[in-house]
C-alpha cells in the first residue's frame, strides 16, 4: 500500500519557474520514477503507458512500433495485456521505466535507480 506524504518545506526552482507543482508545462518536462511507482492496479501495461503518454502530451509522438519494441527489450511484451496487479515488483518497475523511456522528459528524477 502506497502512502502519500506532502512536502513540509522547500521549493523547487527550475528553468525560471518558482513552483514546479503549479506549472503544468514545466511538470511535463520532468518525470519522477519512485522506488515503488504508483499504478491503477486494474490497468494493463499498455493502458498504463497510454495514460501517461496522454498525460505528458506525447501520445502523438510515439508510434506503436516504438512501444512494442521497448516492451520487447524490457521483456514485458508477453504482459502487455496483463493487469498491473498481477505483475511482479520488477515487472511493475520496468513498466514505469518504459513510460519514462517513451515520454523522454528533459529531466529524469530516479529514486533507487539500481533497485
N, C-alpha and C. Protein backbone atom coordinates (compact mmCIF):
# COMPACT_ATOMS: atom_id res chain seq x y z
N UNK A 1 0.84 -1.18 0.00
CA UNK A 1 0.00 0.00 0.00
C UNK A 1 0.88 1.23 0.00
N UNK A 2 0.60 2.13 -0.91
CA UNK A 2 1.37 3.36 -1.05
C UNK A 2 0.86 4.43 -0.09
N UNK A 3 1.77 5.25 0.36
CA UNK A 3 1.43 6.35 1.24
C UNK A 3 1.89 7.65 0.60
N UNK A 4 1.06 8.64 0.60
CA UNK A 4 1.43 9.93 0.03
C UNK A 4 1.81 10.87 1.16
N UNK A 5 3.02 11.39 1.10
CA UNK A 5 3.50 12.32 2.11
C UNK A 5 3.71 13.67 1.44
N UNK A 6 3.10 14.68 1.97
CA UNK A 6 3.23 16.02 1.42
C UNK A 6 4.53 16.65 1.88
N UNK A 7 5.10 17.49 1.01
CA UNK A 7 6.30 18.22 1.39
C UNK A 7 5.99 19.10 2.59
N UNK A 8 6.95 19.20 3.49
CA UNK A 8 6.75 20.06 4.65
C UNK A 8 7.45 21.41 4.48
N UNK A 9 8.43 21.46 3.60
CA UNK A 9 9.11 22.73 3.37
C UNK A 9 9.93 22.64 2.09
N UNK A 10 10.43 23.77 1.66
CA UNK A 10 11.29 23.81 0.49
C UNK A 10 10.54 24.09 -0.79
N UNK A 11 11.29 24.50 -1.78
CA UNK A 11 10.72 24.76 -3.10
C UNK A 11 11.69 24.22 -4.15
N UNK A 12 11.17 24.07 -5.34
CA UNK A 12 11.99 23.69 -6.47
C UNK A 12 11.90 24.82 -7.48
N UNK A 13 13.03 25.32 -7.89
CA UNK A 13 13.07 26.33 -8.94
C UNK A 13 13.82 25.73 -10.11
N UNK A 14 13.18 25.72 -11.25
CA UNK A 14 13.80 25.12 -12.43
C UNK A 14 13.38 25.89 -13.67
N UNK A 15 14.33 26.29 -14.43
CA UNK A 15 14.10 26.97 -15.70
C UNK A 15 13.18 28.18 -15.54
N UNK A 16 13.40 28.92 -14.46
CA UNK A 16 12.65 30.14 -14.23
C UNK A 16 11.32 29.97 -13.52
N UNK A 17 10.87 28.74 -13.30
CA UNK A 17 9.60 28.52 -12.60
C UNK A 17 9.88 28.37 -11.11
N UNK A 18 9.13 29.14 -10.29
CA UNK A 18 9.35 29.09 -8.85
C UNK A 18 8.70 27.88 -8.19
N UNK A 19 7.61 27.42 -8.72
CA UNK A 19 6.90 26.31 -8.10
C UNK A 19 6.50 25.32 -9.19
N UNK A 20 7.25 24.26 -9.30
CA UNK A 20 7.01 23.28 -10.36
C UNK A 20 5.60 22.70 -10.28
N UNK A 21 5.10 22.51 -9.08
CA UNK A 21 3.78 21.91 -8.92
C UNK A 21 2.68 22.76 -9.55
N UNK A 22 2.88 24.07 -9.59
CA UNK A 22 1.87 24.97 -10.15
C UNK A 22 2.11 25.31 -11.61
N UNK A 23 3.05 24.66 -12.23
CA UNK A 23 3.38 24.97 -13.62
C UNK A 23 3.31 23.68 -14.46
N UNK A 24 2.12 23.32 -14.95
CA UNK A 24 1.97 22.07 -15.70
C UNK A 24 2.90 21.94 -16.89
N UNK A 25 3.19 23.05 -17.56
CA UNK A 25 4.07 22.97 -18.73
C UNK A 25 5.49 22.58 -18.32
N UNK A 26 5.90 22.98 -17.13
CA UNK A 26 7.21 22.58 -16.61
C UNK A 26 7.14 21.14 -16.11
N UNK A 27 6.04 20.80 -15.48
CA UNK A 27 5.85 19.46 -14.94
C UNK A 27 5.96 18.40 -16.04
N UNK A 28 5.49 18.71 -17.23
CA UNK A 28 5.57 17.77 -18.35
C UNK A 28 7.01 17.56 -18.83
N UNK A 29 7.90 18.44 -18.43
CA UNK A 29 9.28 18.35 -18.89
C UNK A 29 10.15 17.51 -17.96
N UNK A 30 9.60 17.09 -16.83
CA UNK A 30 10.35 16.23 -15.92
C UNK A 30 9.47 15.07 -15.48
N UNK A 31 10.11 14.00 -15.06
CA UNK A 31 9.36 12.83 -14.61
C UNK A 31 10.09 12.18 -13.46
N UNK A 32 9.34 11.84 -12.43
CA UNK A 32 9.88 11.20 -11.24
C UNK A 32 9.53 9.73 -11.27
N UNK A 33 10.54 8.88 -11.11
CA UNK A 33 10.32 7.43 -11.04
C UNK A 33 10.69 6.98 -9.64
N UNK A 34 9.68 6.81 -8.76
CA UNK A 34 9.96 6.40 -7.40
C UNK A 34 10.31 4.91 -7.33
N UNK A 35 10.82 4.50 -6.18
CA UNK A 35 11.17 3.10 -5.96
C UNK A 35 9.95 2.20 -6.11
N UNK A 36 8.80 2.67 -5.64
CA UNK A 36 7.54 1.95 -5.79
C UNK A 36 6.58 2.85 -6.57
N UNK A 37 6.60 2.77 -7.91
CA UNK A 37 5.76 3.65 -8.72
C UNK A 37 4.27 3.41 -8.46
N UNK A 38 3.48 4.47 -8.44
CA UNK A 38 2.03 4.31 -8.26
C UNK A 38 1.37 3.84 -9.56
N UNK A 39 0.37 3.00 -9.43
CA UNK A 39 -0.35 2.46 -10.58
C UNK A 39 -1.83 2.39 -10.28
N UNK A 40 -2.62 2.36 -11.32
CA UNK A 40 -4.02 1.95 -11.21
C UNK A 40 -3.97 0.44 -11.42
N UNK A 41 -4.19 -0.30 -10.38
CA UNK A 41 -3.97 -1.75 -10.37
C UNK A 41 -4.74 -2.50 -11.46
N UNK A 42 -5.90 -2.00 -11.86
CA UNK A 42 -6.70 -2.69 -12.85
C UNK A 42 -6.25 -2.42 -14.29
N UNK A 43 -5.40 -1.40 -14.47
CA UNK A 43 -4.89 -1.10 -15.81
C UNK A 43 -3.89 -2.16 -16.25
N UNK A 44 -3.87 -2.40 -17.55
CA UNK A 44 -2.85 -3.27 -18.11
C UNK A 44 -1.59 -2.45 -18.36
N UNK A 45 -0.53 -3.14 -18.71
CA UNK A 45 0.73 -2.45 -19.03
C UNK A 45 0.47 -1.41 -20.13
N UNK A 46 -0.19 -1.83 -21.20
CA UNK A 46 -0.46 -0.90 -22.31
C UNK A 46 -1.34 0.27 -21.89
N UNK A 47 -2.37 0.00 -21.10
CA UNK A 47 -3.25 1.08 -20.64
C UNK A 47 -2.47 2.09 -19.81
N UNK A 48 -1.56 1.60 -18.98
CA UNK A 48 -0.74 2.49 -18.16
C UNK A 48 0.14 3.38 -19.04
N UNK A 49 0.77 2.78 -20.03
CA UNK A 49 1.64 3.55 -20.92
C UNK A 49 0.85 4.60 -21.69
N UNK A 50 -0.30 4.22 -22.20
CA UNK A 50 -1.13 5.17 -22.96
C UNK A 50 -1.60 6.31 -22.06
N UNK A 51 -1.99 6.00 -20.83
CA UNK A 51 -2.43 7.02 -19.88
C UNK A 51 -1.32 8.05 -19.64
N UNK A 52 -0.11 7.58 -19.39
CA UNK A 52 0.98 8.51 -19.12
C UNK A 52 1.42 9.26 -20.37
N UNK A 53 1.41 8.60 -21.51
CA UNK A 53 1.74 9.31 -22.75
C UNK A 53 0.75 10.45 -22.99
N UNK A 54 -0.51 10.20 -22.74
CA UNK A 54 -1.52 11.26 -22.90
C UNK A 54 -1.33 12.36 -21.87
N UNK A 55 -1.06 11.99 -20.62
CA UNK A 55 -0.89 12.98 -19.56
C UNK A 55 0.30 13.89 -19.84
N UNK A 56 1.33 13.36 -20.46
CA UNK A 56 2.52 14.15 -20.77
C UNK A 56 2.47 14.75 -22.18
N UNK A 57 1.33 14.58 -22.87
CA UNK A 57 1.18 15.17 -24.19
C UNK A 57 2.09 14.55 -25.24
N UNK A 58 2.44 13.28 -25.08
CA UNK A 58 3.36 12.62 -26.00
C UNK A 58 2.69 11.51 -26.80
N UNK A 59 1.38 11.34 -26.67
CA UNK A 59 0.71 10.23 -27.33
C UNK A 59 0.79 10.29 -28.85
N UNK A 60 0.89 11.47 -29.43
CA UNK A 60 1.02 11.58 -30.89
C UNK A 60 2.46 11.41 -31.35
N UNK A 61 3.41 11.52 -30.43
CA UNK A 61 4.83 11.47 -30.79
C UNK A 61 5.43 10.07 -30.74
N UNK A 62 4.68 9.10 -30.22
CA UNK A 62 5.20 7.74 -30.05
C UNK A 62 4.33 6.79 -30.86
N UNK A 63 4.96 6.02 -31.74
CA UNK A 63 4.18 5.08 -32.55
C UNK A 63 4.16 3.69 -31.91
N UNK A 64 3.25 2.86 -32.41
CA UNK A 64 3.06 1.52 -31.86
C UNK A 64 4.33 0.68 -31.94
N UNK A 65 5.08 0.82 -33.02
CA UNK A 65 6.31 0.04 -33.19
C UNK A 65 7.31 0.34 -32.08
N UNK A 66 7.40 1.62 -31.68
CA UNK A 66 8.31 2.00 -30.59
C UNK A 66 7.87 1.37 -29.27
N UNK A 67 6.58 1.37 -29.01
CA UNK A 67 6.06 0.78 -27.78
C UNK A 67 6.34 -0.72 -27.77
N UNK A 68 6.01 -1.41 -28.85
CA UNK A 68 6.23 -2.85 -28.94
C UNK A 68 7.71 -3.17 -28.79
N UNK A 69 8.56 -2.41 -29.47
CA UNK A 69 10.00 -2.64 -29.38
C UNK A 69 10.52 -2.48 -27.96
N UNK A 70 10.07 -1.45 -27.28
CA UNK A 70 10.51 -1.22 -25.92
C UNK A 70 10.00 -2.31 -24.98
N UNK A 71 8.75 -2.70 -25.14
CA UNK A 71 8.22 -3.78 -24.31
C UNK A 71 9.00 -5.08 -24.55
N UNK A 72 9.39 -5.30 -25.77
CA UNK A 72 10.20 -6.49 -26.09
C UNK A 72 11.56 -6.40 -25.40
N UNK A 73 12.21 -5.24 -25.50
CA UNK A 73 13.53 -5.04 -24.86
C UNK A 73 13.48 -5.26 -23.36
N UNK A 74 12.38 -4.86 -22.74
CA UNK A 74 12.25 -4.97 -21.29
C UNK A 74 11.59 -6.28 -20.85
N UNK A 75 11.41 -7.20 -21.78
CA UNK A 75 10.76 -8.50 -21.50
C UNK A 75 9.35 -8.33 -20.95
N UNK A 76 8.65 -7.30 -21.41
CA UNK A 76 7.28 -7.04 -20.96
C UNK A 76 6.23 -7.34 -22.02
N UNK A 77 6.66 -7.63 -23.22
CA UNK A 77 5.69 -7.85 -24.30
C UNK A 77 4.67 -8.94 -23.97
N UNK A 78 5.08 -10.07 -23.36
CA UNK A 78 4.07 -11.08 -23.01
C UNK A 78 3.05 -10.60 -21.97
N UNK A 79 3.35 -9.50 -21.29
CA UNK A 79 2.47 -8.99 -20.22
C UNK A 79 1.73 -7.72 -20.63
N UNK A 80 1.78 -7.36 -21.89
CA UNK A 80 1.19 -6.10 -22.36
C UNK A 80 -0.29 -5.98 -22.01
N UNK A 81 -1.01 -7.07 -22.02
CA UNK A 81 -2.45 -7.05 -21.72
C UNK A 81 -2.75 -7.57 -20.32
N UNK A 82 -1.75 -7.63 -19.46
CA UNK A 82 -1.91 -8.11 -18.09
C UNK A 82 -2.13 -6.94 -17.15
N UNK A 83 -3.08 -7.09 -16.22
CA UNK A 83 -3.32 -6.05 -15.22
C UNK A 83 -2.09 -5.91 -14.34
N UNK A 84 -1.77 -4.68 -14.00
CA UNK A 84 -0.58 -4.40 -13.20
C UNK A 84 -0.62 -5.10 -11.85
N UNK A 85 -1.80 -5.33 -11.32
CA UNK A 85 -1.94 -6.02 -10.03
C UNK A 85 -1.36 -7.43 -10.08
N UNK A 86 -1.25 -8.02 -11.27
CA UNK A 86 -0.78 -9.39 -11.40
C UNK A 86 0.70 -9.49 -11.77
N UNK A 87 1.39 -8.38 -11.81
CA UNK A 87 2.80 -8.39 -12.17
C UNK A 87 3.69 -8.41 -10.93
N UNK A 88 4.91 -8.89 -11.10
CA UNK A 88 5.88 -8.85 -10.01
C UNK A 88 6.34 -7.41 -9.80
N UNK A 89 7.03 -7.18 -8.70
CA UNK A 89 7.55 -5.84 -8.42
C UNK A 89 8.50 -5.39 -9.53
N UNK A 90 9.35 -6.29 -9.99
CA UNK A 90 10.29 -5.96 -11.07
C UNK A 90 9.59 -5.62 -12.36
N UNK A 91 8.54 -6.36 -12.70
CA UNK A 91 7.79 -6.09 -13.93
C UNK A 91 7.06 -4.75 -13.82
N UNK A 92 6.58 -4.44 -12.64
CA UNK A 92 5.90 -3.16 -12.43
C UNK A 92 6.90 -2.01 -12.57
N UNK A 93 8.08 -2.18 -12.01
CA UNK A 93 9.11 -1.14 -12.12
C UNK A 93 9.52 -0.96 -13.58
N UNK A 94 9.65 -2.06 -14.31
CA UNK A 94 10.01 -1.96 -15.73
C UNK A 94 8.90 -1.26 -16.52
N UNK A 95 7.65 -1.45 -16.12
CA UNK A 95 6.54 -0.76 -16.78
C UNK A 95 6.68 0.75 -16.57
N UNK A 96 7.00 1.15 -15.35
CA UNK A 96 7.21 2.58 -15.07
C UNK A 96 8.42 3.10 -15.83
N UNK A 97 9.47 2.30 -15.92
CA UNK A 97 10.66 2.69 -16.67
C UNK A 97 10.33 2.82 -18.16
N UNK A 98 9.49 1.93 -18.68
CA UNK A 98 9.07 2.02 -20.09
C UNK A 98 8.36 3.34 -20.35
N UNK A 99 7.50 3.76 -19.41
CA UNK A 99 6.82 5.05 -19.57
C UNK A 99 7.83 6.19 -19.62
N UNK A 100 8.80 6.15 -18.75
CA UNK A 100 9.84 7.17 -18.73
C UNK A 100 10.60 7.21 -20.05
N UNK A 101 10.96 6.05 -20.57
CA UNK A 101 11.71 5.97 -21.82
C UNK A 101 10.88 6.42 -23.02
N UNK A 102 9.58 6.17 -22.99
CA UNK A 102 8.70 6.60 -24.08
C UNK A 102 8.43 8.11 -24.02
N UNK A 103 8.23 8.63 -22.83
CA UNK A 103 7.93 10.05 -22.67
C UNK A 103 9.15 10.91 -22.95
N UNK A 104 10.32 10.44 -22.56
CA UNK A 104 11.59 11.12 -22.79
C UNK A 104 11.58 12.55 -22.27
N UNK A 105 11.32 12.72 -20.97
CA UNK A 105 11.35 14.08 -20.42
C UNK A 105 12.77 14.63 -20.41
N UNK A 106 12.89 15.93 -20.28
CA UNK A 106 14.20 16.56 -20.23
C UNK A 106 14.96 16.18 -18.96
N UNK A 107 14.22 16.05 -17.85
CA UNK A 107 14.84 15.73 -16.57
C UNK A 107 14.22 14.45 -16.02
N UNK A 108 15.09 13.53 -15.63
CA UNK A 108 14.65 12.26 -15.02
C UNK A 108 15.02 12.30 -13.55
N UNK A 109 14.06 12.13 -12.68
CA UNK A 109 14.30 12.05 -11.25
C UNK A 109 14.08 10.59 -10.84
N UNK A 110 15.17 9.91 -10.48
CA UNK A 110 15.09 8.48 -10.18
C UNK A 110 15.37 8.23 -8.70
N UNK A 111 14.42 7.56 -8.03
CA UNK A 111 14.62 7.13 -6.66
C UNK A 111 15.01 5.67 -6.70
N UNK A 112 16.12 5.33 -6.11
CA UNK A 112 16.60 3.95 -6.11
C UNK A 112 16.79 3.42 -7.53
N UNK A 113 17.58 4.12 -8.37
CA UNK A 113 17.69 3.71 -9.77
C UNK A 113 18.34 2.35 -9.97
N UNK A 114 18.97 1.80 -8.96
CA UNK A 114 19.62 0.49 -9.12
C UNK A 114 18.87 -0.61 -8.39
N UNK A 115 17.63 -0.33 -7.97
CA UNK A 115 16.84 -1.34 -7.25
C UNK A 115 16.45 -2.47 -8.18
